[in-house]
């Protein structure tokens, strides 16, 4: 178990941070992938999808990569508030995060992160067809630019302002809520009823 009943909320928060720090660096970690949910303000619909956890920045900022033409980018541009869900089935641990997403495109951050993209991963950001576009055949989905570059590569940083943690433990589940007013303010944590 990650969350311990005898630990203060502050100590449990350090343990949660350690789990997340391992998750973004270990390709086999159960929390290497997370669910990102965004909202389309025009339709009122929400969308969820799985993304790869790339990095933990500034202690708590969660970073992932995407194609700048994807629907998640347009949704974030219109409403930067998003939800993140991590689940580790081995540890029976759920981490729910409310965050504000910041998009980086064609700037110093994307230049630096692009250096980490190697091999076939480059193909994820070099499609000749915009993600989500209706196509005539599945072959079109694999049309790529001959010389891939970072033109469509975006980095998204999700800055958390609320974290809810649920540690399942048979009949004695444990739950915590953490809040902060801004990136530079300390987290305030409380036990909550699961």
Protein backbone atom coordinates (compact mmCIF):
# COMPACT_ATOMS: atom_id res chain seq x y z
CA UNK A 1 0.00 0.00 0.00
CA UNK A 2 1.17 3.50 -0.79
CA UNK A 3 -1.18 5.41 1.54
CA UNK A 4 -0.72 4.54 5.20
CA UNK A 5 -3.35 5.34 7.84
CA UNK A 6 -0.66 6.13 10.43
CA UNK A 7 1.06 8.71 8.20
CA UNK A 8 0.17 12.38 8.21
CA UNK A 9 -1.30 13.75 4.93
CA UNK A 10 2.03 15.50 4.26
CA UNK A 11 3.99 12.23 4.44
CA UNK A 12 1.45 10.45 2.22
CA UNK A 13 1.79 13.27 -0.32
CA UNK A 14 5.54 12.64 -0.49
CA UNK A 15 4.85 8.97 -1.13
CA UNK A 16 2.33 9.85 -3.89
CA UNK A 17 4.93 12.11 -5.48
CA UNK A 18 7.47 9.27 -5.40
CA UNK A 19 5.03 6.96 -7.17
CA UNK A 20 4.41 9.55 -9.92
CA UNK A 21 8.13 10.26 -10.31
CA UNK A 22 8.76 6.54 -10.85
CA UNK A 23 5.80 6.19 -13.22
CA UNK A 24 7.07 8.72 -15.76
CA UNK A 25 10.56 7.17 -15.79
CA UNK A 26 9.65 3.47 -15.87
CA UNK A 27 8.13 2.24 -19.13
CA UNK A 28 6.66 -0.78 -17.32
CA UNK A 29 5.04 1.15 -14.47
CA UNK A 30 1.26 0.72 -14.08
CA UNK A 31 0.83 4.51 -14.05
CA UNK A 32 2.94 5.18 -17.15
CA UNK A 33 -0.32 5.82 -19.02
CA UNK A 34 -3.12 7.98 -17.64
CA UNK A 35 -6.59 9.11 -18.66
CA UNK A 36 -6.92 12.75 -19.66
CA UNK A 37 -10.40 14.29 -19.76
CA UNK A 38 -11.18 17.61 -21.40
CA UNK A 39 -14.38 19.50 -22.25
CA UNK A 40 -15.59 20.99 -25.50
CA UNK A 41 -17.21 24.28 -24.50
CA UNK A 42 -19.10 24.55 -27.79
CA UNK A 43 -20.94 21.22 -27.38
CA UNK A 44 -20.71 20.75 -23.62
CA UNK A 45 -19.34 17.25 -24.22
CA UNK A 46 -16.38 15.83 -22.37
CA UNK A 47 -13.78 13.55 -23.91
CA UNK A 48 -11.40 11.09 -22.28
CA UNK A 49 -8.36 9.42 -23.76
CA UNK A 50 -5.21 7.61 -22.67
CA UNK A 51 -1.92 9.51 -22.96
CA UNK A 52 1.66 8.67 -22.06
CA UNK A 53 3.08 10.26 -18.90
CA UNK A 54 6.35 11.76 -20.14
CA UNK A 55 7.72 13.83 -17.29
CA UNK A 56 7.10 15.39 -13.90
CA UNK A 57 8.10 19.07 -14.14
CA UNK A 58 8.35 21.65 -11.33
CA UNK A 59 7.64 18.97 -8.71
CA UNK A 60 3.99 18.34 -9.70
CA UNK A 61 3.38 19.42 -13.30
CA UNK A 62 2.41 16.43 -15.45
CA UNK A 63 3.73 16.49 -19.01
CA UNK A 64 2.56 14.60 -22.10
CA UNK A 65 3.09 14.93 -25.85
CA UNK A 66 0.52 15.17 -28.63
CA UNK A 67 -0.09 16.25 -32.20
CA UNK A 68 -1.05 19.95 -32.23
CA UNK A 69 -3.88 19.15 -34.66
CA UNK A 70 -5.64 16.77 -32.24
CA UNK A 71 -9.04 17.53 -30.71
CA UNK A 72 -7.54 17.60 -27.23
CA UNK A 73 -5.47 20.65 -28.19
CA UNK A 74 -8.46 22.61 -29.48
CA UNK A 75 -10.45 21.64 -26.37
CA UNK A 76 -7.61 22.75 -24.06
CA UNK A 77 -7.28 26.04 -25.95
CA UNK A 78 -10.97 26.76 -25.30
CA UNK A 79 -11.00 25.41 -21.76
CA UNK A 80 -7.63 24.69 -20.10
CA UNK A 81 -9.17 22.95 -17.09
CA UNK A 82 -8.78 19.19 -17.32
CA UNK A 83 -8.96 16.02 -15.25
CA UNK A 84 -6.32 13.32 -14.97
CA UNK A 85 -6.86 9.79 -13.70
CA UNK A 86 -4.09 7.39 -12.70
CA UNK A 87 -4.83 3.81 -11.63
CA UNK A 88 -2.39 1.20 -10.37
CA UNK A 89 -4.12 -2.18 -10.12
CA UNK A 90 -1.15 -3.79 -8.35
CA UNK A 91 -1.19 -1.25 -5.55
CA UNK A 92 -4.99 -0.64 -5.64
CA UNK A 93 -4.24 3.08 -5.87
CA UNK A 94 -6.27 5.72 -7.68
CA UNK A 95 -5.04 9.30 -8.11
CA UNK A 96 -7.48 11.87 -9.51
CA UNK A 97 -6.08 15.28 -10.43
CA UNK A 98 -7.73 18.55 -11.44
CA UNK A 99 -5.30 20.69 -13.39
CA UNK A 100 -4.87 23.62 -15.73
CA UNK A 101 -3.24 22.63 -19.01
CA UNK A 102 -0.63 24.76 -20.79
CA UNK A 103 0.19 24.06 -24.44
CA UNK A 104 3.70 24.42 -25.85
CA UNK A 105 4.15 24.46 -29.61
CA UNK A 106 7.13 25.57 -31.70
CA UNK A 107 8.97 27.04 -28.73
CA UNK A 108 12.07 26.26 -26.65
CA UNK A 109 10.26 23.57 -24.65
CA UNK A 110 9.11 21.68 -27.75
CA UNK A 111 12.56 22.04 -29.33
CA UNK A 112 14.17 20.47 -26.27
CA UNK A 113 11.55 17.71 -25.84
CA UNK A 114 11.72 16.84 -29.55
CA UNK A 115 15.29 15.68 -28.94
CA UNK A 116 13.79 12.86 -26.82
CA UNK A 117 11.68 11.54 -29.69
CA UNK A 118 13.54 8.75 -31.41
CA UNK A 119 13.00 5.96 -33.93
CA UNK A 120 9.45 5.08 -34.90
CA UNK A 121 8.03 7.47 -32.26
CA UNK A 122 8.70 10.31 -34.71
CA UNK A 123 5.90 8.87 -36.87
CA UNK A 124 3.36 9.79 -34.21
CA UNK A 125 3.90 13.45 -35.03
CA UNK A 126 4.49 13.32 -38.79
CA UNK A 127 1.17 12.13 -40.18
CA UNK A 128 0.09 13.85 -43.38
CA UNK A 129 -3.50 13.48 -42.19
CA UNK A 130 -4.89 15.41 -39.23
CA UNK A 131 -5.89 13.16 -36.28
CA UNK A 132 -9.63 12.47 -36.29
CA UNK A 133 -10.13 13.29 -39.97
CA UNK A 134 -12.43 10.96 -41.91
CA UNK A 135 -10.39 9.03 -44.49
CA UNK A 136 -11.25 6.77 -47.42
CA UNK A 137 -9.10 3.82 -46.32
CA UNK A 138 -6.95 2.76 -43.38
CA UNK A 139 -3.85 3.11 -45.59
CA UNK A 140 -4.28 6.90 -45.57
CA UNK A 141 -3.79 6.89 -41.80
CA UNK A 142 -0.17 5.89 -42.36
CA UNK A 143 0.74 8.51 -44.93
CA UNK A 144 3.70 10.38 -43.49
CA UNK A 145 5.84 13.30 -44.51
CA UNK A 146 9.15 12.10 -45.95
CA UNK A 147 11.28 14.25 -43.67
CA UNK A 148 9.49 14.30 -40.32
CA UNK A 149 10.11 17.29 -38.11
CA UNK A 150 8.48 18.79 -35.04
CA UNK A 151 5.97 20.98 -36.93
CA UNK A 152 2.97 19.15 -35.40
CA UNK A 153 4.64 18.18 -32.12
CA UNK A 154 3.17 19.74 -28.98
CA UNK A 155 4.00 19.43 -25.31
CA UNK A 156 1.21 19.84 -22.77
CA UNK A 157 1.92 20.64 -19.12
CA UNK A 158 -0.89 20.00 -16.64
CA UNK A 159 -0.47 22.06 -13.48
CA UNK A 160 -2.45 20.43 -10.65
CA UNK A 161 -4.52 22.41 -8.18
CA UNK A 162 -6.43 19.51 -6.59
CA UNK A 163 -5.46 15.89 -5.97
CA UNK A 164 -7.77 13.16 -4.64
CA UNK A 165 -6.23 9.87 -3.67
CA UNK A 166 -8.01 6.60 -2.96
CA UNK A 167 -6.15 3.61 -1.52
CA UNK A 168 -8.31 0.52 -1.70
CA UNK A 169 -7.76 -1.85 1.22
CA UNK A 170 -10.54 -4.41 1.54
CA UNK A 171 -13.03 -2.79 3.93
CA UNK A 172 -10.70 -0.07 5.22
CA UNK A 173 -10.20 2.18 2.18
CA UNK A 174 -8.23 5.38 2.73
CA UNK A 175 -8.78 8.69 0.96
CA UNK A 176 -7.05 12.07 0.94
CA UNK A 177 -7.77 15.44 -0.64
CA UNK A 178 -5.02 17.96 -1.40
CA UNK A 179 -5.57 21.54 -2.60
CA UNK A 180 -3.36 24.51 -3.39
CA UNK A 181 -4.10 28.05 -4.51
CA UNK A 182 -1.31 28.30 -7.08
CA UNK A 183 1.84 26.63 -8.36
CA UNK A 184 4.00 28.26 -5.70
CA UNK A 185 1.66 27.74 -2.75
CA UNK A 186 1.97 24.69 -0.47
CA UNK A 187 -0.43 21.77 -0.69
CA UNK A 188 -3.06 21.56 2.06
CA UNK A 189 -4.08 17.97 2.72
CA UNK A 190 -6.93 16.38 4.62
CA UNK A 191 -8.25 12.89 5.17
CA UNK A 192 -11.68 12.46 3.59
CA UNK A 193 -14.28 9.72 3.76
CA UNK A 194 -13.64 7.26 0.90
